[in-house]
Amino acid sequence: MRLFRPTVCSLALSFICATAPAAAPRDALVVTTAWLGQHLADPDLVLLHVGDKAEYDARHIPGARFVSVNDISVSDHSGKGLMLEMPPAADLRTRLADLGISDHSRIIVYYGKDWVSPTTRVIFTLDYAGLGDATSLLDGGMDAWTRDGHAVTALVPPARTGTLSPLKPRPLVVDAEYVLAHLKALHTAIVDGRNASFYDGAQTGGGKDAPHRTGHIAGAHSVPFTSVTDDQLKLRSAEELAAIFTKAGVQPDDTVIAYCHIGQQATAVIFAARTLGHPVLLYDGSFEDWSRHPDYPVENPAKRDGGR
C-alpha cells in the first residue's frame, strides 16, 4: 500500500488554507454595481426590482422583473388576521417560480428609490424558502446603478416560469409565544426595528381597525431600520453596523429576533445582522400581533418619563 507523504508544497498549501481568513458573510450577501454589470448576461441570473410599479415601467435595470411584497406574502385585510405573513410552502413555491426562479438561479434583488425594507423583506422570504445562499442585495439599489453610469431600459423581459423543487422552509419565523419565552434568554436579543419614536412611545402605530399598544416589547433593543443604510442608501460598513448593534445592547454572539410593525422594516435589521454573522429570526406578527396580547409585557418610556 502506498502511503501519502506530505511534500513541501502540500504542507504549504495546508498552511495557507488553515490560515486564510474566512470570507465574511457580507461578501456573499451584497454585490456591487460593477459585479452586476459583469454578470448581467449570465443565463442563471434572476434580477428582481422592488419599488413603485410606475417607476419600474419607466426604467429599470435590463432584464429585471418587477416584484412587490404582496406577490410573495399573504395579508388579512379584514382586521381580524395579520398583515404580510408567509404563504404556505406550496403557494410560495408557485409564486417564486412565476418570477422565473429555478433551483440553480442566482438571484439579485434591488430597490428603486428608497424601498429598502420591502427589498429586504423579499430577500428574507427567499432565505426562508431555502434560497438564501443564492440571493444577494445590490448595494445602493437603482440609484447606485445609474450613478455609476450603467444603462437602464423600459423593456420588460418576457415572462418565464422557473423550475423549482418543493420548498423546505427554514425555521426563521417565530411567533409571540416564542418571543415571550425568550425575553430573558441568554445569547438572545429582541430587536425593535421601528423608528425610535415608536420604540420610545412618542408615537403609537396601528392599522385602520385598531391602534397598537404604545411602547415596545419589554426588554427589546432599538435598532431603527433606517440606521443600517447611509445617506446614499448603501449598507453601512461592517464596523459601523457592529457599533450600532453594540450601542443598542446586542452582543456579537446573540441570536437576533427582530420585529417591527407588521414584519417588513425588521427585515432590514435582520439583513444587516446577517452580514455581521448573527443568527436571525423574524417575529413576523410583530407589534401588530404582540398588541393583541394585553398580558404580554410592554414598556412605554414616554409614560415612564412623564409623557402619555
C-alpha atoms as a PDB file:
ATOM      1  CA  MET A   1       0.000   0.000   0.000  1.00  0.00           C
ATOM      2  CA  ARG A   2       1.368   3.381  -0.989  1.00  0.00           C
ATOM      3  CA  LEU A   3       1.482   5.826   1.882  1.00  0.00           C
ATOM      4  CA  PHE A   4       0.779   9.520   1.391  1.00  0.00           C
ATOM      5  CA  ARG A   5       3.816  11.584   2.343  1.00  0.00           C
ATOM      6  CA  PRO A   6       3.189  15.342   2.519  1.00  0.00           C
ATOM      7  CA  THR A   7       5.513  17.360   0.327  1.00  0.00           C
ATOM      8  CA  VAL A   8       6.688  20.868   0.994  1.00  0.00           C
ATOM      9  CA  CYS A   9       4.060  22.138  -1.458  1.00  0.00           C
ATOM     10  CA  SER A  10       1.217  20.217   0.140  1.00  0.00           C
ATOM     11  CA  LEU A  11       2.310  21.334   3.592  1.00  0.00           C
ATOM     12  CA  ALA A  12       2.468  24.923   2.405  1.00  0.00           C
ATOM     13  CA  LEU A  13      -0.982  24.625   0.822  1.00  0.00           C
ATOM     14  CA  SER A  14      -2.375  23.191   4.063  1.00  0.00           C
ATOM     15  CA  PHE A  15      -0.859  26.068   5.995  1.00  0.00           C
ATOM     16  CA  ILE A  16      -2.353  28.628   3.621  1.00  0.00           C
ATOM     17  CA  CYS A  17      -5.803  27.003   3.845  1.00  0.00           C
ATOM     18  CA  ALA A  18      -5.586  26.866   7.609  1.00  0.00           C
ATOM     19  CA  THR A  19      -4.523  30.470   7.986  1.00  0.00           C
ATOM     20  CA  ALA A  20      -6.540  32.123   5.196  1.00  0.00           C
ATOM     21  CA  PRO A  21      -9.266  34.300   6.682  1.00  0.00           C
ATOM     22  CA  ALA A  22     -12.798  33.036   6.225  1.00  0.00           C
ATOM     23  CA  ALA A  23     -14.973  35.087   3.921  1.00  0.00           C
ATOM     24  CA  ALA A  24     -17.239  37.500   5.756  1.00  0.00           C
ATOM     25  CA  PRO A  25     -20.990  36.790   5.445  1.00  0.00           C
ATOM     26  CA  ARG A  26     -21.363  40.210   3.836  1.00  0.00           C
ATOM     27  CA  ASP A  27     -19.260  39.090   0.863  1.00  0.00           C
ATOM     28  CA  ALA A  28     -21.992  36.675  -0.231  1.00  0.00           C
ATOM     29  CA  LEU A  29     -24.960  38.845   0.725  1.00  0.00           C
ATOM     30  CA  VAL A  30     -24.064  42.083  -1.058  1.00  0.00           C
ATOM     31  CA  VAL A  31     -22.935  42.732  -4.635  1.00  0.00           C
ATOM     32  CA  THR A  32     -21.716  45.930  -6.263  1.00  0.00           C
ATOM     33  CA  THR A  33     -22.938  47.565  -9.441  1.00  0.00           C
ATOM     34  CA  ALA A  34     -19.634  46.574 -11.066  1.00  0.00           C
ATOM     35  CA  TRP A  35     -20.247  42.912 -10.241  1.00  0.00           C
ATOM     36  CA  LEU A  36     -23.783  43.032 -11.582  1.00  0.00           C
ATOM     37  CA  GLY A  37     -22.635  44.761 -14.748  1.00  0.00           C
ATOM     38  CA  GLN A  38     -20.227  41.897 -15.393  1.00  0.00           C
ATOM     39  CA  HIS A  39     -22.867  39.210 -14.762  1.00  0.00           C
ATOM     40  CA  LEU A  40     -25.958  40.790 -16.292  1.00  0.00           C
ATOM     41  CA  ALA A  41     -25.981  38.312 -19.189  1.00  0.00           C
ATOM     42  CA  ASP A  42     -25.471  35.190 -17.062  1.00  0.00           C
ATOM     43  CA  PRO A  43     -28.133  32.629 -18.032  1.00  0.00           C
ATOM     44  CA  ASP A  44     -28.943  31.712 -14.411  1.00  0.00           C
ATOM     45  CA  LEU A  45     -29.301  35.308 -13.223  1.00  0.00           C
ATOM     46  CA  VAL A  46     -32.704  36.365 -11.890  1.00  0.00           C
ATOM     47  CA  LEU A  47     -32.856  40.104 -11.262  1.00  0.00           C
ATOM     48  CA  LEU A  48     -35.745  41.472  -9.185  1.00  0.00           C
ATOM     49  CA  HIS A  49     -36.782  45.136  -8.977  1.00  0.00           C
ATOM     50  CA  VAL A  50     -38.665  46.213  -5.836  1.00  0.00           C
ATOM     51  CA  GLY A  51     -40.348  49.593  -5.902  1.00  0.00           C
ATOM     52  CA  ASP A  52     -43.094  51.653  -7.443  1.00  0.00           C
ATOM     53  CA  LYS A  53     -44.615  49.947 -10.497  1.00  0.00           C
ATOM     54  CA  ALA A  54     -44.758  53.169 -12.499  1.00  0.00           C
ATOM     55  CA  GLU A  55     -41.092  53.727 -11.764  1.00  0.00           C
ATOM     56  CA  TYR A  56     -40.264  50.209 -12.964  1.00  0.00           C
ATOM     57  CA  ASP A  57     -42.300  50.725 -16.137  1.00  0.00           C
ATOM     58  CA  ALA A  58     -40.368  53.925 -16.863  1.00  0.00           C
ATOM     59  CA  ARG A  59     -36.906  52.486 -16.303  1.00  0.00           C
ATOM     60  CA  HIS A  60     -35.193  49.536 -14.684  1.00  0.00           C
ATOM     61  CA  ILE A  61     -32.008  47.521 -14.968  1.00  0.00           C
ATOM     62  CA  PRO A  62     -32.042  45.464 -18.182  1.00  0.00           C
ATOM     63  CA  GLY A  63     -33.549  42.028 -17.589  1.00  0.00           C
ATOM     64  CA  ALA A  64     -35.094  42.918 -14.229  1.00  0.00           C
ATOM     65  CA  ARG A  65     -38.546  41.650 -13.293  1.00  0.00           C
ATOM     66  CA  PHE A  66     -40.897  43.595 -11.059  1.00  0.00           C
ATOM     67  CA  VAL A  67     -41.848  42.119  -7.680  1.00  0.00           C
ATOM     68  CA  SER A  68     -43.801  43.536  -4.760  1.00  0.00           C
ATOM     69  CA  VAL A  69     -44.018  42.184  -1.229  1.00  0.00           C
ATOM     70  CA  ASN A  70     -47.669  41.391  -1.917  1.00  0.00           C
ATOM     71  CA  ASP A  71     -46.563  38.988  -4.658  1.00  0.00           C
ATOM     72  CA  ILE A  72     -44.834  36.754  -2.102  1.00  0.00           C
ATOM     73  CA  SER A  73     -46.909  37.234   1.067  1.00  0.00           C
ATOM     74  CA  VAL A  74     -50.447  36.907   2.358  1.00  0.00           C
ATOM     75  CA  SER A  75     -52.417  39.537   4.271  1.00  0.00           C
ATOM     76  CA  ASP A  76     -55.778  39.553   6.018  1.00  0.00           C
ATOM     77  CA  HIS A  77     -57.457  42.878   5.316  1.00  0.00           C
ATOM     78  CA  SER A  78     -60.494  42.076   7.449  1.00  0.00           C
ATOM     79  CA  GLY A  79     -58.810  43.423  10.570  1.00  0.00           C
ATOM     80  CA  LYS A  80     -59.055  40.053  12.284  1.00  0.00           C
ATOM     81  CA  GLY A  81     -55.897  38.493  10.922  1.00  0.00           C
ATOM     82  CA  LEU A  82     -52.350  39.709  10.358  1.00  0.00           C
ATOM     83  CA  MET A  83     -50.674  41.555   7.518  1.00  0.00           C
ATOM     84  CA  LEU A  84     -47.680  40.458   5.479  1.00  0.00           C
ATOM     85  CA  GLU A  85     -47.374  36.819   6.566  1.00  0.00           C
ATOM     86  CA  MET A  86     -45.564  33.969   4.846  1.00  0.00           C
ATOM     87  CA  PRO A  87     -47.657  31.926   2.405  1.00  0.00           C
ATOM     88  CA  PRO A  88     -47.841  28.131   2.725  1.00  0.00           C
ATOM     89  CA  ALA A  89     -44.779  26.484   1.205  1.00  0.00           C
ATOM     90  CA  ALA A  90     -46.537  25.120  -1.880  1.00  0.00           C
ATOM     91  CA  ASP A  91     -48.094  28.510  -2.604  1.00  0.00           C
ATOM     92  CA  LEU A  92     -44.791  30.322  -2.080  1.00  0.00           C
ATOM     93  CA  ARG A  93     -43.042  27.906  -4.424  1.00  0.00           C
ATOM     94  CA  THR A  94     -45.516  28.761  -7.191  1.00  0.00           C
ATOM     95  CA  ARG A  95     -45.120  32.493  -6.594  1.00  0.00           C
ATOM     96  CA  LEU A  96     -41.311  32.292  -6.730  1.00  0.00           C
ATOM     97  CA  ALA A  97     -41.329  30.110  -9.844  1.00  0.00           C
ATOM     98  CA  ASP A  98     -43.607  32.655 -11.513  1.00  0.00           C
ATOM     99  CA  LEU A  99     -40.778  35.174 -11.059  1.00  0.00           C
ATOM    100  CA  GLY A 100     -38.509  32.920 -13.116  1.00  0.00           C
ATOM    101  CA  ILE A 101     -36.671  31.435 -10.150  1.00  0.00           C
ATOM    102  CA  SER A 102     -35.295  27.909 -10.535  1.00  0.00           C
ATOM    103  CA  ASP A 103     -33.221  25.637  -8.334  1.00  0.00           C
ATOM    104  CA  HIS A 104     -29.961  26.888  -9.857  1.00  0.00           C
ATOM    105  CA  SER A 105     -30.799  30.579 -10.131  1.00  0.00           C
ATOM    106  CA  ARG A 106     -28.503  33.335  -8.902  1.00  0.00           C
ATOM    107  CA  ILE A 107     -30.892  35.926  -7.520  1.00  0.00           C
ATOM    108  CA  ILE A 108     -30.090  39.628  -7.164  1.00  0.00           C
ATOM    109  CA  VAL A 109     -32.666  41.923  -5.578  1.00  0.00           C
ATOM    110  CA  TYR A 110     -32.519  45.705  -5.733  1.00  0.00           C
ATOM    111  CA  TYR A 111     -34.668  48.658  -4.758  1.00  0.00           C
ATOM    112  CA  GLY A 112     -35.875  51.650  -6.672  1.00  0.00           C
ATOM    113  CA  LYS A 113     -35.670  54.981  -4.830  1.00  0.00           C
ATOM    114  CA  ASP A 114     -35.819  54.306  -1.074  1.00  0.00           C
ATOM    115  CA  TRP A 115     -37.619  50.943  -0.995  1.00  0.00           C
ATOM    116  CA  VAL A 116     -35.011  49.323   1.246  1.00  0.00           C
ATOM    117  CA  SER A 117     -37.182  47.388   3.708  1.00  0.00           C
ATOM    118  CA  PRO A 118     -39.563  45.964   1.064  1.00  0.00           C
ATOM    119  CA  THR A 119     -36.436  44.711  -0.709  1.00  0.00           C
ATOM    120  CA  THR A 120     -35.004  43.094   2.412  1.00  0.00           C
ATOM    121  CA  ARG A 121     -38.426  41.524   3.039  1.00  0.00           C
ATOM    122  CA  VAL A 122     -38.148  39.880  -0.394  1.00  0.00           C
ATOM    123  CA  ILE A 123     -34.611  38.729   0.450  1.00  0.00           C
ATOM    124  CA  PHE A 124     -35.748  37.359   3.820  1.00  0.00           C
ATOM    125  CA  THR A 125     -38.567  35.459   2.108  1.00  0.00           C
ATOM    126  CA  LEU A 126     -36.084  33.891  -0.296  1.00  0.00           C
ATOM    127  CA  ASP A 127     -33.875  32.908   2.643  1.00  0.00           C
ATOM    128  CA  TYR A 128     -36.912  31.427   4.412  1.00  0.00           C
ATOM    129  CA  ALA A 129     -37.653  29.458   1.237  1.00  0.00           C
ATOM    130  CA  GLY A 130     -34.173  27.924   1.320  1.00  0.00           C
ATOM    131  CA  LEU A 131     -32.700  30.143  -1.402  1.00  0.00           C
ATOM    132  CA  GLY A 132     -30.682  32.434   0.847  1.00  0.00           C
ATOM    133  CA  ASP A 133     -27.295  31.150  -0.302  1.00  0.00           C
ATOM    134  CA  ALA A 134     -28.190  32.117  -3.875  1.00  0.00           C
ATOM    135  CA  THR A 135     -29.590  35.565  -3.073  1.00  0.00           C
ATOM    136  CA  SER A 136     -27.834  38.916  -2.722  1.00  0.00           C
ATOM    137  CA  LEU A 137     -28.672  42.601  -2.454  1.00  0.00           C
ATOM    138  CA  LEU A 138     -27.424  45.129  -4.993  1.00  0.00           C
ATOM    139  CA  ASP A 139     -25.770  47.672  -2.729  1.00  0.00           C
ATOM    140  CA  GLY A 140     -27.307  51.106  -3.200  1.00  0.00           C
ATOM    141  CA  GLY A 141     -30.061  49.866  -5.482  1.00  0.00           C
ATOM    142  CA  MET A 142     -31.214  51.612  -8.639  1.00  0.00           C
ATOM    143  CA  ASP A 143     -29.705  54.962  -7.669  1.00  0.00           C
ATOM    144  CA  ALA A 144     -26.246  53.435  -7.316  1.00  0.00           C
ATOM    145  CA  TRP A 145     -26.667  51.656 -10.666  1.00  0.00           C
ATOM    146  CA  THR A 146     -27.457  54.872 -12.544  1.00  0.00           C
ATOM    147  CA  ARG A 147     -24.964  56.944 -10.552  1.00  0.00           C
ATOM    148  CA  ASP A 148     -22.231  54.546 -11.652  1.00  0.00           C
ATOM    149  CA  GLY A 149     -23.152  55.077 -15.307  1.00  0.00           C
ATOM    150  CA  HIS A 150     -24.903  51.803 -16.109  1.00  0.00           C
ATOM    151  CA  ALA A 151     -27.682  51.533 -18.674  1.00  0.00           C
ATOM    152  CA  VAL A 152     -31.396  51.298 -17.943  1.00  0.00           C
ATOM    153  CA  THR A 153     -34.350  50.261 -20.068  1.00  0.00           C
ATOM    154  CA  ALA A 154     -38.126  50.311 -20.212  1.00  0.00           C
ATOM    155  CA  LEU A 155     -38.269  46.932 -21.958  1.00  0.00           C
ATOM    156  CA  VAL A 156     -39.947  44.238 -19.878  1.00  0.00           C
ATOM    157  CA  PRO A 157     -38.339  40.799 -20.204  1.00  0.00           C
ATOM    158  CA  PRO A 158     -40.602  38.019 -21.474  1.00  0.00           C
ATOM    159  CA  ALA A 159     -42.430  36.022 -18.817  1.00  0.00           C
ATOM    160  CA  ARG A 160     -40.601  32.916 -17.693  1.00  0.00           C
ATOM    161  CA  THR A 161     -41.619  30.262 -15.193  1.00  0.00           C
ATOM    162  CA  GLY A 162     -38.794  28.722 -13.238  1.00  0.00           C
ATOM    163  CA  THR A 163     -38.320  25.071 -12.344  1.00  0.00           C
ATOM    164  CA  LEU A 164     -38.274  24.972  -8.563  1.00  0.00           C
ATOM    165  CA  SER A 165     -38.243  21.890  -6.335  1.00  0.00           C
ATOM    166  CA  PRO A 166     -40.691  21.659  -3.412  1.00  0.00           C
ATOM    167  CA  LEU A 167     -39.590  24.139  -0.779  1.00  0.00           C
ATOM    168  CA  LYS A 168     -38.188  23.150   2.578  1.00  0.00           C
ATOM    169  CA  PRO A 169     -38.733  26.367   4.549  1.00  0.00           C
ATOM    170  CA  ARG A 170     -36.038  27.242   7.048  1.00  0.00           C
ATOM    171  CA  PRO A 171     -37.135  27.782  10.676  1.00  0.00           C
ATOM    172  CA  LEU A 172     -36.607  31.544  10.590  1.00  0.00           C
ATOM    173  CA  VAL A 173     -40.079  32.744  11.610  1.00  0.00           C
ATOM    174  CA  VAL A 174     -41.257  32.710  15.228  1.00  0.00           C
ATOM    175  CA  ASP A 175     -44.496  33.587  16.990  1.00  0.00           C
ATOM    176  CA  ALA A 176     -45.449  35.615  20.066  1.00  0.00           C
ATOM    177  CA  GLU A 177     -45.136  32.651  22.414  1.00  0.00           C
ATOM    178  CA  TYR A 178     -41.580  32.031  21.252  1.00  0.00           C
ATOM    179  CA  VAL A 179     -40.664  35.673  21.802  1.00  0.00           C
ATOM    180  CA  LEU A 180     -42.295  35.675  25.232  1.00  0.00           C
ATOM    181  CA  ALA A 181     -40.299  32.593  26.228  1.00  0.00           C
ATOM    182  CA  HIS A 182     -37.024  34.212  25.090  1.00  0.00           C
ATOM    183  CA  LEU A 183     -37.351  37.710  26.554  1.00  0.00           C
ATOM    184  CA  LYS A 184     -34.560  36.998  29.029  1.00  0.00           C
ATOM    185  CA  ALA A 185     -32.821  34.110  27.270  1.00  0.00           C
ATOM    186  CA  LEU A 186     -29.033  34.042  27.176  1.00  0.00           C
ATOM    187  CA  HIS A 187     -27.367  34.887  23.855  1.00  0.00           C
ATOM    188  CA  THR A 188     -30.658  36.245  22.503  1.00  0.00           C
ATOM    189  CA  ALA A 189     -31.532  39.835  21.627  1.00  0.00           C
ATOM    190  CA  ILE A 190     -35.059  41.000  20.875  1.00  0.00           C
ATOM    191  CA  VAL A 191     -34.623  43.923  18.487  1.00  0.00           C
ATOM    192  CA  ASP A 192     -37.207  46.548  17.577  1.00  0.00           C
ATOM    193  CA  GLY A 193     -36.675  47.740  14.012  1.00  0.00           C
ATOM    194  CA  ARG A 194     -39.247  50.552  14.017  1.00  0.00           C
ATOM    195  CA  ASN A 195     -38.339  54.218  14.089  1.00  0.00           C
ATOM    196  CA  ALA A 196     -37.235  55.293  17.557  1.00  0.00           C
ATOM    197  CA  SER A 197     -40.364  57.416  18.097  1.00  0.00           C
ATOM    198  CA  PHE A 198     -42.462  54.244  18.226  1.00  0.00           C
ATOM    199  CA  TYR A 199     -39.965  52.424  20.436  1.00  0.00           C
ATOM    200  CA  ASP A 200     -39.860  55.399  22.807  1.00  0.00           C
ATOM    201  CA  GLY A 201     -43.645  55.703  22.986  1.00  0.00           C
ATOM    202  CA  ALA A 202     -43.762  59.156  21.384  1.00  0.00           C
ATOM    203  CA  GLN A 203     -45.878  57.679  18.604  1.00  0.00           C
ATOM    204  CA  THR A 204     -48.368  54.819  18.545  1.00  0.00           C
ATOM    205  CA  GLY A 205     -48.619  52.640  15.473  1.00  0.00           C
ATOM    206  CA  GLY A 206     -51.626  50.735  14.257  1.00  0.00           C
ATOM    207  CA  GLY A 207     -53.792  49.702  11.354  1.00  0.00           C
ATOM    208  CA  LYS A 208     -57.085  51.054  10.145  1.00  0.00           C
ATOM    209  CA  ASP A 209     -59.061  48.977  12.642  1.00  0.00           C
ATOM    210  CA  ALA A 210     -57.168  49.348  15.908  1.00  0.00           C
ATOM    211  CA  PRO A 211     -54.111  51.099  17.345  1.00  0.00           C
ATOM    212  CA  HIS A 212     -51.168  49.113  18.587  1.00  0.00           C
ATOM    213  CA  ARG A 213     -50.061  49.312  22.190  1.00  0.00           C
ATOM    214  CA  THR A 214     -47.712  52.218  22.925  1.00  0.00           C
ATOM    215  CA  GLY A 215     -44.044  51.478  23.548  1.00  0.00           C
ATOM    216  CA  HIS A 216     -42.065  48.342  22.806  1.00  0.00           C
ATOM    217  CA  ILE A 217     -41.743  44.694  23.800  1.00  0.00           C
ATOM    218  CA  ALA A 218     -40.283  44.643  27.305  1.00  0.00           C
ATOM    219  CA  GLY A 219     -36.504  44.319  27.200  1.00  0.00           C
ATOM    220  CA  ALA A 220     -36.224  44.896  23.451  1.00  0.00           C
ATOM    221  CA  HIS A 221     -33.296  46.809  21.971  1.00  0.00           C
ATOM    222  CA  SER A 222     -33.791  49.595  19.424  1.00  0.00           C
ATOM    223  CA  VAL A 223     -32.093  49.406  16.013  1.00  0.00           C
ATOM    224  CA  PRO A 224     -34.216  51.544  13.663  1.00  0.00           C
ATOM    225  CA  PHE A 225     -34.359  50.083  10.172  1.00  0.00           C
ATOM    226  CA  THR A 226     -33.257  53.402   8.682  1.00  0.00           C
ATOM    227  CA  SER A 227     -29.989  53.311  10.644  1.00  0.00           C
ATOM    228  CA  VAL A 228     -28.439  50.407   8.707  1.00  0.00           C
ATOM    229  CA  THR A 229     -28.004  52.356   5.450  1.00  0.00           C
ATOM    230  CA  ASP A 230     -26.198  55.630   4.757  1.00  0.00           C
ATOM    231  CA  ASP A 231     -27.467  58.772   3.017  1.00  0.00           C
ATOM    232  CA  GLN A 232     -26.976  57.100  -0.365  1.00  0.00           C
ATOM    233  CA  LEU A 233     -28.940  54.046   0.798  1.00  0.00           C
ATOM    234  CA  LYS A 234     -25.864  51.853   0.773  1.00  0.00           C
ATOM    235  CA  LEU A 235     -25.401  49.339   3.559  1.00  0.00           C
ATOM    236  CA  ARG A 236     -23.178  50.801   6.247  1.00  0.00           C
ATOM    237  CA  SER A 237     -19.748  49.279   6.745  1.00  0.00           C
ATOM    238  CA  ALA A 238     -19.265  46.259   8.972  1.00  0.00           C
ATOM    239  CA  GLU A 239     -17.596  48.453  11.575  1.00  0.00           C
ATOM    240  CA  GLU A 240     -20.459  50.957  11.561  1.00  0.00           C
ATOM    241  CA  LEU A 241     -23.102  48.231  11.798  1.00  0.00           C
ATOM    242  CA  ALA A 242     -21.266  46.469  14.617  1.00  0.00           C
ATOM    243  CA  ALA A 243     -21.112  49.771  16.511  1.00  0.00           C
ATOM    244  CA  ILE A 244     -24.858  50.348  16.001  1.00  0.00           C
ATOM    245  CA  PHE A 245     -25.770  46.903  17.295  1.00  0.00           C
ATOM    246  CA  THR A 246     -23.326  47.114  20.197  1.00  0.00           C
ATOM    247  CA  LYS A 247     -24.622  50.530  21.242  1.00  0.00           C
ATOM    248  CA  ALA A 248     -28.153  49.119  21.210  1.00  0.00           C
ATOM    249  CA  GLY A 249     -27.084  46.322  23.573  1.00  0.00           C
ATOM    250  CA  VAL A 250     -26.756  43.443  21.106  1.00  0.00           C
ATOM    251  CA  GLN A 251     -23.766  41.190  21.802  1.00  0.00           C
ATOM    252  CA  PRO A 252     -21.667  39.694  18.961  1.00  0.00           C
ATOM    253  CA  ASP A 253     -22.816  36.126  19.694  1.00  0.00           C
ATOM    254  CA  ASP A 254     -26.511  36.948  20.127  1.00  0.00           C
ATOM    255  CA  THR A 255     -29.286  35.479  18.026  1.00  0.00           C
ATOM    256  CA  VAL A 256     -31.259  38.479  16.797  1.00  0.00           C
ATOM    257  CA  ILE A 257     -35.052  38.178  16.975  1.00  0.00           C
ATOM    258  CA  ALA A 258     -36.356  41.228  15.152  1.00  0.00           C
ATOM    259  CA  TYR A 259     -39.811  42.742  14.922  1.00  0.00           C
ATOM    260  CA  CYS A 260     -41.389  45.991  13.728  1.00  0.00           C
ATOM    261  CA  HIS A 261     -44.989  46.988  12.937  1.00  0.00           C
ATOM    262  CA  ILE A 262     -46.017  44.096  10.653  1.00  0.00           C
ATOM    263  CA  GLY A 263     -42.779  42.323   9.717  1.00  0.00           C
ATOM    264  CA  GLN A 264     -41.235  44.408   6.934  1.00  0.00           C
ATOM    265  CA  GLN A 265     -38.945  47.036   8.476  1.00  0.00           C
ATOM    266  CA  ALA A 266     -37.464  44.394  10.774  1.00  0.00           C
ATOM    267  CA  THR A 267     -36.044  42.546   7.764  1.00  0.00           C
ATOM    268  CA  ALA A 268     -33.655  45.434   7.066  1.00  0.00           C
ATOM    269  CA  VAL A 269     -32.287  44.956  10.589  1.00  0.00           C
ATOM    270  CA  ILE A 270     -32.175  41.199  10.036  1.00  0.00           C
ATOM    271  CA  PHE A 271     -30.251  41.629   6.789  1.00  0.00           C
ATOM    272  CA  ALA A 272     -27.698  43.867   8.490  1.00  0.00           C
ATOM    273  CA  ALA A 273     -27.385  41.361  11.350  1.00  0.00           C
ATOM    274  CA  ARG A 274     -26.770  38.537   8.859  1.00  0.00           C
ATOM    275  CA  THR A 275     -23.885  40.472   7.309  1.00  0.00           C
ATOM    276  CA  LEU A 276     -22.308  40.549  10.779  1.00  0.00           C
ATOM    277  CA  GLY A 277     -22.745  36.809  11.243  1.00  0.00           C
ATOM    278  CA  HIS A 278     -25.658  36.857  13.698  1.00  0.00           C
ATOM    279  CA  PRO A 279     -28.179  34.004  13.616  1.00  0.00           C
ATOM    280  CA  VAL A 280     -31.513  35.686  12.904  1.00  0.00           C
ATOM    281  CA  LEU A 281     -35.227  35.115  13.447  1.00  0.00           C
ATOM    282  CA  LEU A 282     -38.230  37.212  12.446  1.00  0.00           C
ATOM    283  CA  TYR A 283     -41.245  37.716  14.668  1.00  0.00           C
ATOM    284  CA  ASP A 284     -43.469  38.039  11.621  1.00  0.00           C
ATOM    285  CA  GLY A 285     -46.608  39.022  13.525  1.00  0.00           C
ATOM    286  CA  SER A 286     -44.515  41.809  15.070  1.00  0.00           C
ATOM    287  CA  PHE A 287     -46.051  44.535  17.223  1.00  0.00           C
ATOM    288  CA  GLU A 288     -49.369  44.161  15.410  1.00  0.00           C
ATOM    289  CA  ASP A 289     -49.649  40.681  16.920  1.00  0.00           C
ATOM    290  CA  TRP A 290     -47.997  41.496  20.276  1.00  0.00           C
ATOM    291  CA  SER A 291     -50.538  44.275  20.816  1.00  0.00           C
ATOM    292  CA  ARG A 292     -53.341  41.702  20.713  1.00  0.00           C
ATOM    293  CA  HIS A 293     -51.952  40.086  23.856  1.00  0.00           C
ATOM    294  CA  PRO A 294     -52.794  42.543  26.678  1.00  0.00           C
ATOM    295  CA  ASP A 295     -50.989  40.361  29.208  1.00  0.00           C
ATOM    296  CA  TYR A 296     -47.695  40.317  27.262  1.00  0.00           C
ATOM    297  CA  PRO A 297     -45.233  42.882  28.670  1.00  0.00           C
ATOM    298  CA  VAL A 298     -44.754  46.249  27.013  1.00  0.00           C
ATOM    299  CA  GLU A 299     -42.504  49.085  28.168  1.00  0.00           C
ATOM    300  CA  ASN A 300     -43.517  52.681  27.428  1.00  0.00           C
ATOM    301  CA  PRO A 301     -40.611  55.066  28.078  1.00  0.00           C
ATOM    302  CA  ALA A 302     -42.813  58.094  27.344  1.00  0.00           C
ATOM    303  CA  LYS A 303     -45.176  57.147  30.163  1.00  0.00           C
ATOM    304  CA  ARG A 304     -42.280  56.426  32.494  1.00  0.00           C
ATOM    305  CA  ASP A 305     -40.725  59.792  31.690  1.00  0.00           C
ATOM    306  CA  GLY A 306     -43.914  61.680  32.399  1.00  0.00           C
ATOM    307  CA  GLY A 307     -45.487  61.596  28.960  1.00  0.00           C
ATOM    308  CA  ARG A 308     -48.567  59.732  27.956  1.00  0.00           C
END
